[in-house]
Amino acid sequence: MYHSPTHGKVDLDALKKIVSTFMAADKKADYEIIVGSDSQKIKSGAYDFVSALIIHRIGAGGIYFWKRQVYEKKMSLKERIYSEATMSLETSENFVQFFKTNGISKYNIQIHVDIGNNGETRTLITEVVGMIRSSGYEVKIKPDSYGASKVADRHT
């Protein structure tokens, strides 16, 4: 089940319809399709993971949806970052076929990861970026990864 600030809880079929309608409303616009994930510790040995799907109509706003998963286990920072990246890859793969069948396959999905050159995550950049690129996706890191650090983070 996905969530939207404007549509509440939506299943996959409803999400597809909403995205198609949004993009059909302005066929001449330029769009970015972005997936980003973030996680937060919610208690000892439990983490809240949120993955966000963003449809950005460049220069004219956008819509987004999010999905939450809670993991009840202890995790290192590295494991959390890899779990976030994997969650983003899974979310992206769920929409690749949809985008192809609805005639909007010209849009590549960007994956935004919550890592950057500052802080503890800097040592993971090469590995995580390589994993995502080798899966066929464009990847953005901080400070350009607003899909993870702003949108998904809003719901963790």
Protein backbone atom coordinates (compact mmCIF):
# COMPACT_ATOMS: atom_id res chain seq x y z
CA MET A 1 0.00 0.00 0.00
CA TYR A 2 1.29 3.43 -0.94
CA HIS A 3 0.42 6.76 0.64
CA SER A 4 -0.01 10.20 -0.87
CA PRO A 5 -0.48 13.57 0.82
CA THR A 6 -3.26 14.36 -1.68
CA HIS A 7 -4.80 10.92 -2.32
CA GLY A 8 -4.41 9.12 1.04
CA LYS A 9 -3.80 5.37 0.86
CA VAL A 10 -3.63 4.01 -2.68
CA ASP A 11 -3.01 0.56 -4.09
CA LEU A 12 -0.71 -0.03 -7.06
CA ASP A 13 -3.51 0.18 -9.65
CA ALA A 14 -4.74 3.50 -8.25
CA LEU A 15 -1.19 4.83 -8.12
CA LYS A 16 -0.65 3.95 -11.79
CA LYS A 17 -3.87 5.74 -12.75
CA ILE A 18 -2.96 8.85 -10.73
CA VAL A 19 0.54 9.00 -12.29
CA SER A 20 -0.85 8.51 -15.81
CA THR A 21 -3.47 11.22 -15.31
CA PHE A 22 -0.91 13.63 -13.84
CA MET A 23 1.51 13.17 -16.72
CA ALA A 24 -1.24 13.25 -19.38
CA ALA A 25 -2.47 16.60 -18.04
CA ASP A 26 0.60 18.32 -19.54
CA LYS A 27 2.16 16.19 -22.25
CA LYS A 28 4.51 18.98 -23.34
CA ALA A 29 6.10 19.34 -19.90
CA ASP A 30 9.44 17.85 -18.95
CA TYR A 31 9.28 15.26 -16.17
CA GLU A 32 11.69 13.57 -13.80
CA ILE A 33 10.82 10.29 -12.13
CA ILE A 34 12.69 9.92 -8.86
CA VAL A 35 12.87 7.22 -6.21
CA GLY A 36 14.53 7.81 -2.86
CA SER A 37 14.56 5.97 0.45
CA ASP A 38 15.45 6.95 3.99
CA SER A 39 15.49 5.24 7.37
CA GLN A 40 15.38 6.24 11.01
CA LYS A 41 15.90 4.32 14.22
CA ILE A 42 12.54 4.11 16.01
CA LYS A 43 13.65 2.10 19.02
CA SER A 44 16.47 -0.17 20.04
CA GLY A 45 16.79 -2.77 17.29
CA ALA A 46 14.03 -1.36 15.06
CA TYR A 47 14.18 0.90 12.00
CA ASP A 48 11.55 2.69 9.96
CA PHE A 49 12.27 2.65 6.21
CA VAL A 50 10.37 4.83 3.75
CA SER A 51 10.67 4.73 -0.02
CA ALA A 52 9.27 7.65 -2.04
CA LEU A 53 8.24 7.77 -5.70
CA ILE A 54 8.24 11.33 -7.05
CA ILE A 55 6.86 12.52 -10.37
CA HIS A 56 8.35 15.99 -10.86
CA ARG A 57 6.87 18.22 -13.56
CA ILE A 58 9.93 20.42 -13.97
CA GLY A 59 9.12 24.02 -13.14
CA ALA A 60 5.55 23.20 -12.19
CA GLY A 61 5.57 21.05 -9.04
CA GLY A 62 4.89 17.37 -8.79
CA ILE A 63 3.27 14.53 -6.92
CA TYR A 64 4.73 11.85 -4.73
CA PHE A 65 3.86 8.61 -2.97
CA TRP A 66 5.58 6.70 -0.19
CA LYS A 67 5.67 3.21 1.22
CA ARG A 68 6.82 2.24 4.71
CA GLN A 69 8.54 -0.89 6.02
CA VAL A 70 9.66 -1.49 9.60
CA TYR A 71 12.58 -3.82 10.27
CA GLU A 72 12.82 -5.25 13.77
CA LYS A 73 16.55 -5.96 13.95
CA LYS A 74 19.79 -4.27 14.78
CA MET A 75 21.57 -2.81 11.76
CA SER A 76 24.88 -1.13 11.16
CA LEU A 77 24.95 2.14 9.23
CA LYS A 78 26.32 0.31 6.19
CA GLU A 79 23.51 -2.26 6.31
CA ARG A 80 20.92 0.52 6.60
CA ILE A 81 22.33 2.40 3.60
CA TYR A 82 22.38 -0.79 1.52
CA SER A 83 18.81 -1.56 2.64
CA GLU A 84 17.72 1.93 1.60
CA ALA A 85 19.39 1.52 -1.81
CA THR A 86 17.86 -1.93 -2.27
CA MET A 87 14.42 -0.62 -1.34
CA SER A 88 14.81 2.15 -3.93
CA LEU A 89 15.88 -0.38 -6.57
CA GLU A 90 12.88 -2.59 -5.79
CA THR A 91 10.50 0.39 -5.97
CA SER A 92 12.05 1.42 -9.30
CA GLU A 93 11.76 -2.07 -10.77
CA ASN A 94 8.07 -2.16 -9.79
CA PHE A 95 7.43 0.83 -12.05
CA VAL A 96 9.67 0.10 -15.03
CA GLN A 97 7.11 -2.16 -16.72
CA PHE A 98 4.30 0.25 -15.95
CA PHE A 99 6.16 3.15 -17.52
CA LYS A 100 6.96 1.09 -20.62
CA THR A 101 3.38 -0.07 -21.12
CA ASN A 102 1.91 3.41 -20.66
CA GLY A 103 4.07 5.09 -23.29
CA ILE A 104 6.21 7.07 -20.87
CA SER A 105 9.28 4.87 -21.10
CA LYS A 106 11.33 7.81 -22.37
CA TYR A 107 11.69 8.88 -18.75
CA ASN A 108 14.58 7.32 -16.90
CA ILE A 109 14.17 6.75 -13.20
CA GLN A 110 16.67 8.54 -10.99
CA ILE A 111 17.55 6.96 -7.67
CA HIS A 112 18.44 9.38 -4.90
CA VAL A 113 20.51 7.98 -2.03
CA ASP A 114 21.00 9.60 1.35
CA ILE A 115 24.80 9.54 1.25
CA GLY A 116 27.35 12.22 0.55
CA ASN A 117 30.94 13.37 0.71
CA ASN A 118 30.51 14.62 4.29
CA GLY A 119 29.86 12.37 7.25
CA GLU A 120 30.10 8.65 7.89
CA THR A 121 28.47 7.63 4.61
CA ARG A 122 31.24 9.03 2.40
CA THR A 123 33.08 5.69 2.48
CA LEU A 124 30.03 3.98 0.92
CA ILE A 125 29.65 6.24 -2.11
CA THR A 126 31.65 4.17 -4.60
CA GLU A 127 29.98 0.89 -3.62
CA VAL A 128 26.38 2.13 -3.47
CA VAL A 129 26.60 4.34 -6.58
CA GLY A 130 28.21 1.43 -8.48
CA MET A 131 25.47 -0.97 -7.39
CA ILE A 132 22.73 1.39 -8.58
CA ARG A 133 24.43 2.32 -11.86
CA SER A 134 25.10 -1.34 -12.64
CA SER A 135 21.34 -1.90 -12.27
CA GLY A 136 20.79 0.65 -15.06
CA TYR A 137 19.70 3.71 -13.10
CA GLU A 138 20.98 7.25 -12.82
CA VAL A 139 21.97 8.00 -9.23
CA LYS A 140 22.20 11.22 -7.22
CA ILE A 141 23.91 11.72 -3.86
CA LYS A 142 23.82 14.60 -1.38
CA PRO A 143 23.35 17.48 -1.84
CA ASP A 144 21.37 16.58 -5.01
CA SER A 145 19.44 13.63 -3.55
CA TYR A 146 16.32 15.43 -2.37
CA GLY A 147 14.14 12.39 -3.12
CA ALA A 148 15.80 10.64 -0.18
CA SER A 149 16.98 13.46 2.07
CA LYS A 150 13.85 15.64 1.81
CA VAL A 151 10.83 13.69 0.53
CA ALA A 152 11.34 10.21 2.03
CA ASP A 153 12.89 11.74 5.15
CA ARG A 154 9.66 13.70 5.73
CA HIS A 155 7.86 10.42 6.46
CA THR A 156 10.43 8.56 8.61
